[in-house]
Amino acid sequence: MHSEENAVINCDAPRESKKIVYITHMPCPACAKRLINLGSVIRVVYAEDISRTGGVEMLESVGISVHKYGADSK
């Protein structure tokens, strides 16, 4: 189980509550879908890159900002 899936399962915040998600690795496409379906995620911050891409682009395409921890802020 990826950390995002575990976080979604255990999230008890209302769907409409804005959420910022902190994770260890860049989200894969499947986890990006889970975060989108969680509702009201406004930002994802991750520490390490992964080789599978597509998750970041998917999140950004629906208006969720994605930032690598420690990288220059926009």
N, C-alpha and C. Protein backbone atom coordinates (compact mmCIF):
# COMPACT_ATOMS: atom_id res chain seq x y z
N MET A 1 0.85 -1.17 0.00
CA MET A 1 0.00 0.00 0.00
C MET A 1 0.90 1.24 0.00
N HIS A 2 0.61 2.18 -0.88
CA HIS A 2 1.34 3.44 -0.90
C HIS A 2 0.81 4.34 0.21
N SER A 3 1.63 5.26 0.65
CA SER A 3 1.24 6.14 1.76
C SER A 3 0.00 6.97 1.44
N GLU A 4 -0.15 7.37 0.19
CA GLU A 4 -1.32 8.16 -0.18
C GLU A 4 -2.61 7.37 0.03
N GLU A 5 -2.58 6.10 -0.34
CA GLU A 5 -3.76 5.26 -0.18
C GLU A 5 -4.11 5.12 1.30
N ASN A 6 -3.11 4.92 2.13
CA ASN A 6 -3.33 4.81 3.57
C ASN A 6 -3.89 6.12 4.13
N ALA A 7 -3.36 7.24 3.67
CA ALA A 7 -3.84 8.54 4.14
C ALA A 7 -5.30 8.78 3.74
N VAL A 8 -5.65 8.41 2.52
CA VAL A 8 -7.03 8.59 2.05
C VAL A 8 -7.98 7.72 2.87
N ILE A 9 -7.59 6.49 3.12
CA ILE A 9 -8.44 5.58 3.89
C ILE A 9 -8.68 6.13 5.30
N ASN A 10 -7.66 6.72 5.89
CA ASN A 10 -7.75 7.19 7.27
C ASN A 10 -8.16 8.65 7.43
N CYS A 11 -8.38 9.35 6.34
CA CYS A 11 -8.76 10.76 6.42
C CYS A 11 -10.22 10.87 6.88
N ASP A 12 -10.41 11.56 7.98
CA ASP A 12 -11.78 11.74 8.48
C ASP A 12 -12.26 13.19 8.32
N ALA A 13 -11.50 14.00 7.61
CA ALA A 13 -11.91 15.38 7.35
C ALA A 13 -13.03 15.39 6.32
N PRO A 14 -13.98 16.31 6.47
CA PRO A 14 -15.05 16.40 5.47
C PRO A 14 -14.48 16.64 4.07
N ARG A 15 -15.16 16.13 3.07
CA ARG A 15 -14.71 16.27 1.68
C ARG A 15 -14.45 17.72 1.30
N GLU A 16 -15.25 18.64 1.82
CA GLU A 16 -15.12 20.05 1.44
C GLU A 16 -14.01 20.78 2.19
N SER A 17 -13.39 20.16 3.19
CA SER A 17 -12.28 20.78 3.93
C SER A 17 -11.03 20.78 3.06
N LYS A 18 -10.37 21.95 2.95
CA LYS A 18 -9.15 22.04 2.16
C LYS A 18 -8.06 21.23 2.83
N LYS A 19 -7.25 20.55 1.99
CA LYS A 19 -6.22 19.66 2.49
C LYS A 19 -4.88 19.92 1.80
N ILE A 20 -3.82 19.84 2.59
CA ILE A 20 -2.45 19.84 2.07
C ILE A 20 -1.87 18.49 2.43
N VAL A 21 -1.30 17.81 1.45
CA VAL A 21 -0.79 16.46 1.63
C VAL A 21 0.74 16.48 1.57
N TYR A 22 1.38 15.92 2.59
CA TYR A 22 2.83 15.80 2.65
C TYR A 22 3.17 14.31 2.52
N ILE A 23 3.99 13.98 1.51
CA ILE A 23 4.34 12.59 1.25
C ILE A 23 5.84 12.47 1.00
N THR A 24 6.35 11.26 1.13
CA THR A 24 7.79 11.06 0.97
C THR A 24 8.23 11.07 -0.50
N HIS A 25 7.41 10.50 -1.38
CA HIS A 25 7.79 10.37 -2.79
C HIS A 25 6.75 11.00 -3.72
N MET A 26 7.22 11.43 -4.88
CA MET A 26 6.33 11.96 -5.90
C MET A 26 5.19 10.96 -6.13
N PRO A 27 3.95 11.43 -6.21
CA PRO A 27 2.84 10.49 -6.38
C PRO A 27 2.83 9.84 -7.76
N CYS A 28 2.56 8.55 -7.75
CA CYS A 28 2.40 7.82 -9.01
C CYS A 28 1.01 8.16 -9.56
N PRO A 29 0.71 7.82 -10.81
CA PRO A 29 -0.60 8.14 -11.37
C PRO A 29 -1.78 7.57 -10.58
N ALA A 30 -1.66 6.34 -10.07
CA ALA A 30 -2.77 5.76 -9.30
C ALA A 30 -3.01 6.54 -8.01
N CYS A 31 -1.93 6.93 -7.35
CA CYS A 31 -2.09 7.70 -6.10
C CYS A 31 -2.59 9.12 -6.39
N ALA A 32 -2.19 9.68 -7.51
CA ALA A 32 -2.70 10.99 -7.88
C ALA A 32 -4.22 10.94 -8.03
N LYS A 33 -4.72 9.87 -8.65
CA LYS A 33 -6.18 9.71 -8.79
C LYS A 33 -6.85 9.61 -7.42
N ARG A 34 -6.22 8.89 -6.50
CA ARG A 34 -6.79 8.77 -5.14
C ARG A 34 -6.87 10.13 -4.47
N LEU A 35 -5.81 10.93 -4.61
CA LEU A 35 -5.80 12.25 -3.99
C LEU A 35 -6.84 13.18 -4.63
N ILE A 36 -7.01 13.09 -5.92
CA ILE A 36 -8.04 13.89 -6.60
C ILE A 36 -9.42 13.49 -6.08
N ASN A 37 -9.66 12.20 -5.97
CA ASN A 37 -10.96 11.71 -5.50
C ASN A 37 -11.22 12.00 -4.03
N LEU A 38 -10.18 12.26 -3.26
CA LEU A 38 -10.34 12.61 -1.85
C LEU A 38 -11.14 13.90 -1.70
N GLY A 39 -10.95 14.82 -2.62
CA GLY A 39 -11.70 16.08 -2.61
C GLY A 39 -10.99 17.16 -1.83
N SER A 40 -10.95 18.35 -2.41
CA SER A 40 -10.44 19.57 -1.78
C SER A 40 -8.96 19.53 -1.42
N VAL A 41 -8.18 18.69 -2.09
CA VAL A 41 -6.73 18.75 -1.92
C VAL A 41 -6.26 19.96 -2.72
N ILE A 42 -5.55 20.87 -2.06
CA ILE A 42 -5.10 22.08 -2.75
C ILE A 42 -3.60 22.06 -3.04
N ARG A 43 -2.86 21.22 -2.29
CA ARG A 43 -1.41 21.19 -2.48
C ARG A 43 -0.85 19.84 -2.06
N VAL A 44 0.14 19.38 -2.83
CA VAL A 44 0.87 18.16 -2.49
C VAL A 44 2.35 18.53 -2.42
N VAL A 45 3.01 18.13 -1.33
CA VAL A 45 4.44 18.37 -1.15
C VAL A 45 5.11 17.02 -0.99
N TYR A 46 6.15 16.76 -1.78
CA TYR A 46 6.87 15.48 -1.71
C TYR A 46 8.36 15.73 -1.59
N ALA A 47 9.12 14.71 -1.13
CA ALA A 47 10.55 14.88 -0.90
C ALA A 47 11.43 14.23 -1.97
N GLU A 48 11.02 13.08 -2.50
CA GLU A 48 11.86 12.33 -3.43
C GLU A 48 11.15 12.07 -4.75
N ASP A 49 11.92 12.15 -5.85
CA ASP A 49 11.38 11.83 -7.17
C ASP A 49 11.26 10.31 -7.33
N ILE A 50 10.41 9.90 -8.26
CA ILE A 50 10.31 8.50 -8.65
C ILE A 50 10.46 8.43 -10.16
N SER A 51 10.67 7.22 -10.68
CA SER A 51 10.87 7.08 -12.13
C SER A 51 9.56 7.13 -12.90
N ARG A 52 8.45 6.72 -12.28
CA ARG A 52 7.15 6.77 -12.97
C ARG A 52 6.63 8.20 -12.92
N THR A 53 6.40 8.75 -14.07
CA THR A 53 5.88 10.11 -14.12
C THR A 53 4.41 10.07 -14.50
N GLY A 54 3.78 11.18 -14.48
CA GLY A 54 2.38 11.29 -14.86
C GLY A 54 1.50 11.73 -13.71
N GLY A 55 1.87 11.37 -12.50
CA GLY A 55 1.06 11.74 -11.34
C GLY A 55 1.03 13.24 -11.10
N VAL A 56 2.18 13.88 -11.23
CA VAL A 56 2.26 15.32 -11.01
C VAL A 56 1.42 16.05 -12.05
N GLU A 57 1.58 15.65 -13.30
CA GLU A 57 0.82 16.30 -14.38
C GLU A 57 -0.68 16.12 -14.17
N MET A 58 -1.08 14.96 -13.71
CA MET A 58 -2.49 14.68 -13.46
C MET A 58 -3.03 15.61 -12.36
N LEU A 59 -2.28 15.76 -11.27
CA LEU A 59 -2.72 16.63 -10.18
C LEU A 59 -2.79 18.08 -10.64
N GLU A 60 -1.77 18.52 -11.34
CA GLU A 60 -1.75 19.91 -11.81
C GLU A 60 -2.87 20.19 -12.81
N SER A 61 -3.27 19.19 -13.59
CA SER A 61 -4.32 19.40 -14.58
C SER A 61 -5.68 19.69 -13.96
N VAL A 62 -5.83 19.33 -12.67
CA VAL A 62 -7.10 19.63 -11.98
C VAL A 62 -6.94 20.75 -10.96
N GLY A 63 -5.80 21.46 -11.02
CA GLY A 63 -5.62 22.64 -10.18
C GLY A 63 -4.96 22.40 -8.84
N ILE A 64 -4.40 21.21 -8.62
CA ILE A 64 -3.70 20.93 -7.37
C ILE A 64 -2.23 21.28 -7.58
N SER A 65 -1.69 22.17 -6.73
CA SER A 65 -0.28 22.53 -6.88
C SER A 65 0.59 21.43 -6.27
N VAL A 66 1.71 21.17 -6.93
CA VAL A 66 2.63 20.11 -6.50
C VAL A 66 4.01 20.72 -6.37
N HIS A 67 4.65 20.47 -5.23
CA HIS A 67 5.96 21.05 -4.96
C HIS A 67 6.90 20.01 -4.37
N LYS A 68 8.14 20.04 -4.81
CA LYS A 68 9.16 19.17 -4.23
C LYS A 68 9.74 19.90 -3.03
N TYR A 69 9.76 19.23 -1.88
CA TYR A 69 10.28 19.82 -0.66
C TYR A 69 11.75 20.23 -0.85
N GLY A 70 12.05 21.44 -0.48
CA GLY A 70 13.40 21.93 -0.60
C GLY A 70 13.73 22.60 -1.92
N ALA A 71 12.86 22.42 -2.91
CA ALA A 71 13.08 23.08 -4.21
C ALA A 71 12.67 24.54 -4.08
N ASP A 72 13.18 25.37 -4.94
CA ASP A 72 12.83 26.78 -4.91
C ASP A 72 11.33 26.96 -5.03
N SER A 73 10.75 27.80 -4.19
CA SER A 73 9.31 28.06 -4.25
C SER A 73 8.98 28.99 -5.38
N LYS A 74 7.75 28.79 -5.91
CA LYS A 74 7.29 29.67 -6.99
C LYS A 74 6.69 30.92 -6.41
